[in-house]
Amino acid sequence: MLILDNNDHMIKFMKKMLNKKFDMKDLGVVDVILEIQISRTSNGLILSQSHYIKKLFYKFLKVITI
């Protein structure tokens, strides 16, 4: 589960509430999820799949050169 909010207090509250009902582990700040790279800026979040496209490209390139 990914919890997003611009209010850190609300995130902590939500995690505390969910932790009472479910066995959870906090994995920290997300970097990549479902092949989507997430970057935080002062203006918000940037979602990118460029690393995934590069991975597919190199995989495809290996198939062609064999």
PDB file of N, CA and C in Angstrom:
ATOM      1  N   MET A   1       0.842  -1.156   0.000  1.00  0.00           N
ATOM      2  CA  MET A   1       0.000   0.000   0.000  1.00  0.00           C
ATOM      3  C   MET A   1       0.892   1.226   0.000  1.00  0.00           C
ATOM      4  N   LEU A   2       0.514   2.203  -0.757  1.00  0.00           N
ATOM      5  CA  LEU A   2       1.261   3.449  -0.856  1.00  0.00           C
ATOM      6  C   LEU A   2       0.388   4.559  -0.284  1.00  0.00           C
ATOM      7  N   ILE A   3       0.912   5.274   0.695  1.00  0.00           N
ATOM      8  CA  ILE A   3       0.177   6.377   1.317  1.00  0.00           C
ATOM      9  C   ILE A   3       0.827   7.677   0.883  1.00  0.00           C
ATOM     10  N   LEU A   4       0.048   8.542   0.237  1.00  0.00           N
ATOM     11  CA  LEU A   4       0.559   9.826  -0.249  1.00  0.00           C
ATOM     12  C   LEU A   4      -0.250  10.965   0.352  1.00  0.00           C
ATOM     13  N   ASP A   5       0.443  11.969   0.822  1.00  0.00           N
ATOM     14  CA  ASP A   5      -0.202  13.184   1.319  1.00  0.00           C
ATOM     15  C   ASP A   5       0.884  14.233   1.485  1.00  0.00           C
ATOM     16  N   ASN A   6       0.533  15.484   1.372  1.00  0.00           N
ATOM     17  CA  ASN A   6       1.524  16.540   1.578  1.00  0.00           C
ATOM     18  C   ASN A   6       1.613  16.938   3.048  1.00  0.00           C
ATOM     19  N   ASN A   7       0.831  16.287   3.902  1.00  0.00           N
ATOM     20  CA  ASN A   7       0.804  16.562   5.329  1.00  0.00           C
ATOM     21  C   ASN A   7       1.414  15.367   6.071  1.00  0.00           C
ATOM     22  N   ASP A   8       2.629  15.554   6.606  1.00  0.00           N
ATOM     23  CA  ASP A   8       3.319  14.457   7.300  1.00  0.00           C
ATOM     24  C   ASP A   8       2.533  13.964   8.510  1.00  0.00           C
ATOM     25  N   HIS A   9       1.858  14.868   9.204  1.00  0.00           N
ATOM     26  CA  HIS A   9       1.053  14.480  10.359  1.00  0.00           C
ATOM     27  C   HIS A   9      -0.054  13.503   9.939  1.00  0.00           C
ATOM     28  N   MET A  10      -0.687  13.780   8.819  1.00  0.00           N
ATOM     29  CA  MET A  10      -1.761  12.920   8.326  1.00  0.00           C
ATOM     30  C   MET A  10      -1.224  11.541   7.930  1.00  0.00           C
ATOM     31  N   ILE A  11      -0.048  11.493   7.343  1.00  0.00           N
ATOM     32  CA  ILE A  11       0.569  10.213   6.967  1.00  0.00           C
ATOM     33  C   ILE A  11       0.850   9.390   8.223  1.00  0.00           C
ATOM     34  N   LYS A  12       1.426  10.029   9.240  1.00  0.00           N
ATOM     35  CA  LYS A  12       1.714   9.312  10.486  1.00  0.00           C
ATOM     36  C   LYS A  12       0.428   8.812  11.137  1.00  0.00           C
ATOM     37  N   PHE A  13      -0.606   9.629  11.133  1.00  0.00           N
ATOM     38  CA  PHE A  13      -1.894   9.230  11.696  1.00  0.00           C
ATOM     39  C   PHE A  13      -2.464   8.021  10.950  1.00  0.00           C
ATOM     40  N   MET A  14      -2.428   8.075   9.619  1.00  0.00           N
ATOM     41  CA  MET A  14      -2.961   6.986   8.792  1.00  0.00           C
ATOM     42  C   MET A  14      -2.186   5.688   9.039  1.00  0.00           C
ATOM     43  N   LYS A  15      -0.846   5.767   9.090  1.00  0.00           N
ATOM     44  CA  LYS A  15      -0.036   4.574   9.339  1.00  0.00           C
ATOM     45  C   LYS A  15      -0.331   3.991  10.722  1.00  0.00           C
ATOM     46  N   LYS A  16      -0.506   4.855  11.719  1.00  0.00           N
ATOM     47  CA  LYS A  16      -0.814   4.396  13.070  1.00  0.00           C
ATOM     48  C   LYS A  16      -2.171   3.690  13.109  1.00  0.00           C
ATOM     49  N   MET A  17      -3.151   4.275  12.428  1.00  0.00           N
ATOM     50  CA  MET A  17      -4.487   3.695  12.381  1.00  0.00           C
ATOM     51  C   MET A  17      -4.474   2.337  11.668  1.00  0.00           C
ATOM     52  N   LEU A  18      -3.804   2.256  10.531  1.00  0.00           N
ATOM     53  CA  LEU A  18      -3.733   1.005   9.778  1.00  0.00           C
ATOM     54  C   LEU A  18      -2.955  -0.069  10.540  1.00  0.00           C
ATOM     55  N   ASN A  19      -1.927   0.360  11.258  1.00  0.00           N
ATOM     56  CA  ASN A  19      -1.100  -0.578  12.007  1.00  0.00           C
ATOM     57  C   ASN A  19      -1.882  -1.251  13.140  1.00  0.00           C
ATOM     58  N   LYS A  20      -2.924  -0.594  13.633  1.00  0.00           N
ATOM     59  CA  LYS A  20      -3.767  -1.187  14.669  1.00  0.00           C
ATOM     60  C   LYS A  20      -4.595  -2.349  14.120  1.00  0.00           C
ATOM     61  N   LYS A  21      -4.956  -2.281  12.842  1.00  0.00           N
ATOM     62  CA  LYS A  21      -5.812  -3.298  12.223  1.00  0.00           C
ATOM     63  C   LYS A  21      -5.047  -4.349  11.428  1.00  0.00           C
ATOM     64  N   PHE A  22      -3.890  -3.971  10.906  1.00  0.00           N
ATOM     65  CA  PHE A  22      -3.149  -4.849  10.003  1.00  0.00           C
ATOM     66  C   PHE A  22      -1.692  -4.974  10.436  1.00  0.00           C
ATOM     67  N   ASP A  23      -1.087  -6.096  10.096  1.00  0.00           N
ATOM     68  CA  ASP A  23       0.337  -6.281  10.324  1.00  0.00           C
ATOM     69  C   ASP A  23       1.065  -5.560   9.199  1.00  0.00           C
ATOM     70  N   MET A  24       1.770  -4.501   9.529  1.00  0.00           N
ATOM     71  CA  MET A  24       2.404  -3.662   8.507  1.00  0.00           C
ATOM     72  C   MET A  24       3.897  -3.510   8.759  1.00  0.00           C
ATOM     73  N   LYS A  25       4.611  -3.184   7.685  1.00  0.00           N
ATOM     74  CA  LYS A  25       6.015  -2.824   7.783  1.00  0.00           C
ATOM     75  C   LYS A  25       6.210  -1.557   6.959  1.00  0.00           C
ATOM     76  N   ASP A  26       6.806  -0.540   7.556  1.00  0.00           N
ATOM     77  CA  ASP A  26       7.068   0.711   6.849  1.00  0.00           C
ATOM     78  C   ASP A  26       8.368   0.568   6.074  1.00  0.00           C
ATOM     79  N   LEU A  27       8.296   0.684   4.764  1.00  0.00           N
ATOM     80  CA  LEU A  27       9.473   0.548   3.914  1.00  0.00           C
ATOM     81  C   LEU A  27      10.120   1.889   3.604  1.00  0.00           C
ATOM     82  N   GLY A  28       9.596   2.954   4.206  1.00  0.00           N
ATOM     83  CA  GLY A  28      10.192   4.276   4.021  1.00  0.00           C
ATOM     84  C   GLY A  28       9.673   4.981   2.784  1.00  0.00           C
ATOM     85  N   VAL A  29      10.432   5.962   2.365  1.00  0.00           N
ATOM     86  CA  VAL A  29      10.052   6.766   1.202  1.00  0.00           C
ATOM     87  C   VAL A  29      10.177   5.914  -0.059  1.00  0.00           C
ATOM     88  N   VAL A  30       9.155   5.977  -0.892  1.00  0.00           N
ATOM     89  CA  VAL A  30       9.128   5.172  -2.108  1.00  0.00           C
ATOM     90  C   VAL A  30      10.046   5.776  -3.173  1.00  0.00           C
ATOM     91  N   ASP A  31      10.718   4.906  -3.901  1.00  0.00           N
ATOM     92  CA  ASP A  31      11.590   5.314  -5.001  1.00  0.00           C
ATOM     93  C   ASP A  31      11.002   4.822  -6.328  1.00  0.00           C
ATOM     94  N   VAL A  32      10.650   3.541  -6.366  1.00  0.00           N
ATOM     95  CA  VAL A  32      10.049   2.933  -7.556  1.00  0.00           C
ATOM     96  C   VAL A  32       8.951   1.996  -7.088  1.00  0.00           C
ATOM     97  N   ILE A  33       7.807   2.051  -7.762  1.00  0.00           N
ATOM     98  CA  ILE A  33       6.707   1.130  -7.488  1.00  0.00           C
ATOM     99  C   ILE A  33       6.013   0.811  -8.801  1.00  0.00           C
ATOM    100  N   LEU A  34       5.794  -0.466  -9.049  1.00  0.00           N
ATOM    101  CA  LEU A  34       5.140  -0.927 -10.283  1.00  0.00           C
ATOM    102  C   LEU A  34       5.821  -0.360 -11.531  1.00  0.00           C
ATOM    103  N   GLU A  35       7.171  -0.367 -11.502  1.00  0.00           N
ATOM    104  CA  GLU A  35       8.000   0.128 -12.618  1.00  0.00           C
ATOM    105  C   GLU A  35       7.828   1.632 -12.868  1.00  0.00           C
ATOM    106  N   ILE A  36       7.280   2.360 -11.906  1.00  0.00           N
ATOM    107  CA  ILE A  36       7.135   3.815 -12.012  1.00  0.00           C
ATOM    108  C   ILE A  36       8.095   4.452 -11.018  1.00  0.00           C
ATOM    109  N   GLN A  37       9.005   5.277 -11.526  1.00  0.00           N
ATOM    110  CA  GLN A  37       9.963   5.973 -10.678  1.00  0.00           C
ATOM    111  C   GLN A  37       9.302   7.234 -10.138  1.00  0.00           C
ATOM    112  N   ILE A  38       9.420   7.457  -8.828  1.00  0.00           N
ATOM    113  CA  ILE A  38       8.780   8.598  -8.186  1.00  0.00           C
ATOM    114  C   ILE A  38       9.852   9.512  -7.617  1.00  0.00           C
ATOM    115  N   SER A  39       9.827  10.775  -8.032  1.00  0.00           N
ATOM    116  CA  SER A  39      10.764  11.773  -7.524  1.00  0.00           C
ATOM    117  C   SER A  39       9.966  12.892  -6.876  1.00  0.00           C
ATOM    118  N   ARG A  40      10.431  13.341  -5.729  1.00  0.00           N
ATOM    119  CA  ARG A  40       9.757  14.431  -5.017  1.00  0.00           C
ATOM    120  C   ARG A  40      10.472  15.742  -5.314  1.00  0.00           C
ATOM    121  N   THR A  41       9.705  16.767  -5.663  1.00  0.00           N
ATOM    122  CA  THR A  41      10.249  18.105  -5.880  1.00  0.00           C
ATOM    123  C   THR A  41       9.490  19.080  -4.985  1.00  0.00           C
ATOM    124  N   SER A  42       9.910  20.327  -4.988  1.00  0.00           N
ATOM    125  CA  SER A  42       9.210  21.341  -4.188  1.00  0.00           C
ATOM    126  C   SER A  42       7.810  21.611  -4.737  1.00  0.00           C
ATOM    127  N   ASN A  43       7.585  21.280  -6.011  1.00  0.00           N
ATOM    128  CA  ASN A  43       6.273  21.493  -6.637  1.00  0.00           C
ATOM    129  C   ASN A  43       5.361  20.275  -6.555  1.00  0.00           C
ATOM    130  N   GLY A  44       5.872  19.149  -6.084  1.00  0.00           N
ATOM    131  CA  GLY A  44       5.051  17.940  -5.999  1.00  0.00           C
ATOM    132  C   GLY A  44       5.844  16.715  -6.387  1.00  0.00           C
ATOM    133  N   LEU A  45       5.165  15.768  -6.998  1.00  0.00           N
ATOM    134  CA  LEU A  45       5.790  14.508  -7.398  1.00  0.00           C
ATOM    135  C   LEU A  45       5.963  14.441  -8.907  1.00  0.00           C
ATOM    136  N   ILE A  46       7.018  13.782  -9.339  1.00  0.00           N
ATOM    137  CA  ILE A  46       7.243  13.509 -10.758  1.00  0.00           C
ATOM    138  C   ILE A  46       7.223  11.999 -10.930  1.00  0.00           C
ATOM    139  N   LEU A  47       6.363  11.511 -11.815  1.00  0.00           N
ATOM    140  CA  LEU A  47       6.265  10.084 -12.108  1.00  0.00           C
ATOM    141  C   LEU A  47       6.892   9.833 -13.471  1.00  0.00           C
ATOM    142  N   SER A  48       7.766   8.848 -13.544  1.00  0.00           N
ATOM    143  CA  SER A  48       8.477   8.586 -14.792  1.00  0.00           C
ATOM    144  C   SER A  48       8.645   7.089 -15.004  1.00  0.00           C
ATOM    145  N   GLN A  49       8.566   6.659 -16.250  1.00  0.00           N
ATOM    146  CA  GLN A  49       8.839   5.274 -16.600  1.00  0.00           C
ATOM    147  C   GLN A  49      10.041   5.174 -17.532  1.00  0.00           C
ATOM    148  N   SER A  50      10.863   6.205 -17.581  1.00  0.00           N
ATOM    149  CA  SER A  50      12.002   6.204 -18.506  1.00  0.00           C
ATOM    150  C   SER A  50      12.978   5.071 -18.206  1.00  0.00           C
ATOM    151  N   HIS A  51      13.225   4.761 -16.934  1.00  0.00           N
ATOM    152  CA  HIS A  51      14.134   3.661 -16.602  1.00  0.00           C
ATOM    153  C   HIS A  51      13.569   2.323 -17.069  1.00  0.00           C
ATOM    154  N   TYR A  52      12.262   2.165 -17.011  1.00  0.00           N
ATOM    155  CA  TYR A  52      11.606   0.942 -17.467  1.00  0.00           C
ATOM    156  C   TYR A  52      11.707   0.821 -18.989  1.00  0.00           C
ATOM    157  N   ILE A  53      11.531   1.932 -19.689  1.00  0.00           N
ATOM    158  CA  ILE A  53      11.646   1.946 -21.155  1.00  0.00           C
ATOM    159  C   ILE A  53      13.075   1.568 -21.557  1.00  0.00           C
ATOM    160  N   LYS A  54      14.073   2.123 -20.840  1.00  0.00           N
ATOM    161  CA  LYS A  54      15.472   1.774 -21.143  1.00  0.00           C
ATOM    162  C   LYS A  54      15.714   0.287 -20.922  1.00  0.00           C
ATOM    163  N   LYS A  55      15.161  -0.252 -19.837  1.00  0.00           N
ATOM    164  CA  LYS A  55      15.325  -1.671 -19.543  1.00  0.00           C
ATOM    165  C   LYS A  55      14.716  -2.523 -20.661  1.00  0.00           C
ATOM    166  N   LEU A  56      13.532  -2.159 -21.112  1.00  0.00           N
ATOM    167  CA  LEU A  56      12.888  -2.883 -22.211  1.00  0.00           C
ATOM    168  C   LEU A  56      13.701  -2.769 -23.497  1.00  0.00           C
ATOM    169  N   PHE A  57      14.216  -1.563 -23.759  1.00  0.00           N
ATOM    170  CA  PHE A  57      14.999  -1.331 -24.965  1.00  0.00           C
ATOM    171  C   PHE A  57      16.234  -2.231 -24.990  1.00  0.00           C
ATOM    172  N   TYR A  58      16.980  -2.278 -23.876  1.00  0.00           N
ATOM    173  CA  TYR A  58      18.186  -3.109 -23.827  1.00  0.00           C
ATOM    174  C   TYR A  58      17.845  -4.592 -23.909  1.00  0.00           C
ATOM    175  N   LYS A  59      16.746  -4.984 -23.304  1.00  0.00           N
ATOM    176  CA  LYS A  59      16.308  -6.381 -23.400  1.00  0.00           C
ATOM    177  C   LYS A  59      15.955  -6.727 -24.844  1.00  0.00           C
ATOM    178  N   PHE A  60      15.249  -5.831 -25.512  1.00  0.00           N
ATOM    179  CA  PHE A  60      14.866  -6.023 -26.916  1.00  0.00           C
ATOM    180  C   PHE A  60      16.108  -6.027 -27.800  1.00  0.00           C
ATOM    181  N   LEU A  61      17.055  -5.136 -27.511  1.00  0.00           N
ATOM    182  CA  LEU A  61      18.293  -5.043 -28.294  1.00  0.00           C
ATOM    183  C   LEU A  61      19.085  -6.347 -28.199  1.00  0.00           C
ATOM    184  N   LYS A  62      19.122  -6.960 -27.011  1.00  0.00           N
ATOM    185  CA  LYS A  62      19.828  -8.236 -26.845  1.00  0.00           C
ATOM    186  C   LYS A  62      19.179  -9.327 -27.679  1.00  0.00           C
ATOM    187  N   VAL A  63      17.859  -9.342 -27.769  1.00  0.00           N
ATOM    188  CA  VAL A  63      17.152 -10.335 -28.550  1.00  0.00           C
ATOM    189  C   VAL A  63      17.478 -10.190 -30.030  1.00  0.00           C
ATOM    190  N   ILE A  64      17.540  -8.950 -30.499  1.00  0.00           N
ATOM    191  CA  ILE A  64      17.825  -8.686 -31.918  1.00  0.00           C
ATOM    192  C   ILE A  64      19.247  -9.092 -32.289  1.00  0.00           C
ATOM    193  N   THR A  65      20.210  -8.850 -31.401  1.00  0.00           N
ATOM    194  CA  THR A  65      21.617  -9.096 -31.734  1.00  0.00           C
ATOM    195  C   THR A  65      22.034 -10.555 -31.577  1.00  0.00           C
ATOM    196  N   ILE A  66      21.166 -11.384 -31.046  1.00  0.00           N
ATOM    197  CA  ILE A  66      21.520 -12.813 -30.875  1.00  0.00           C
ATOM    198  C   ILE A  66      21.410 -13.539 -32.195  1.00  0.00           C
TER     199      ILE A  66
END
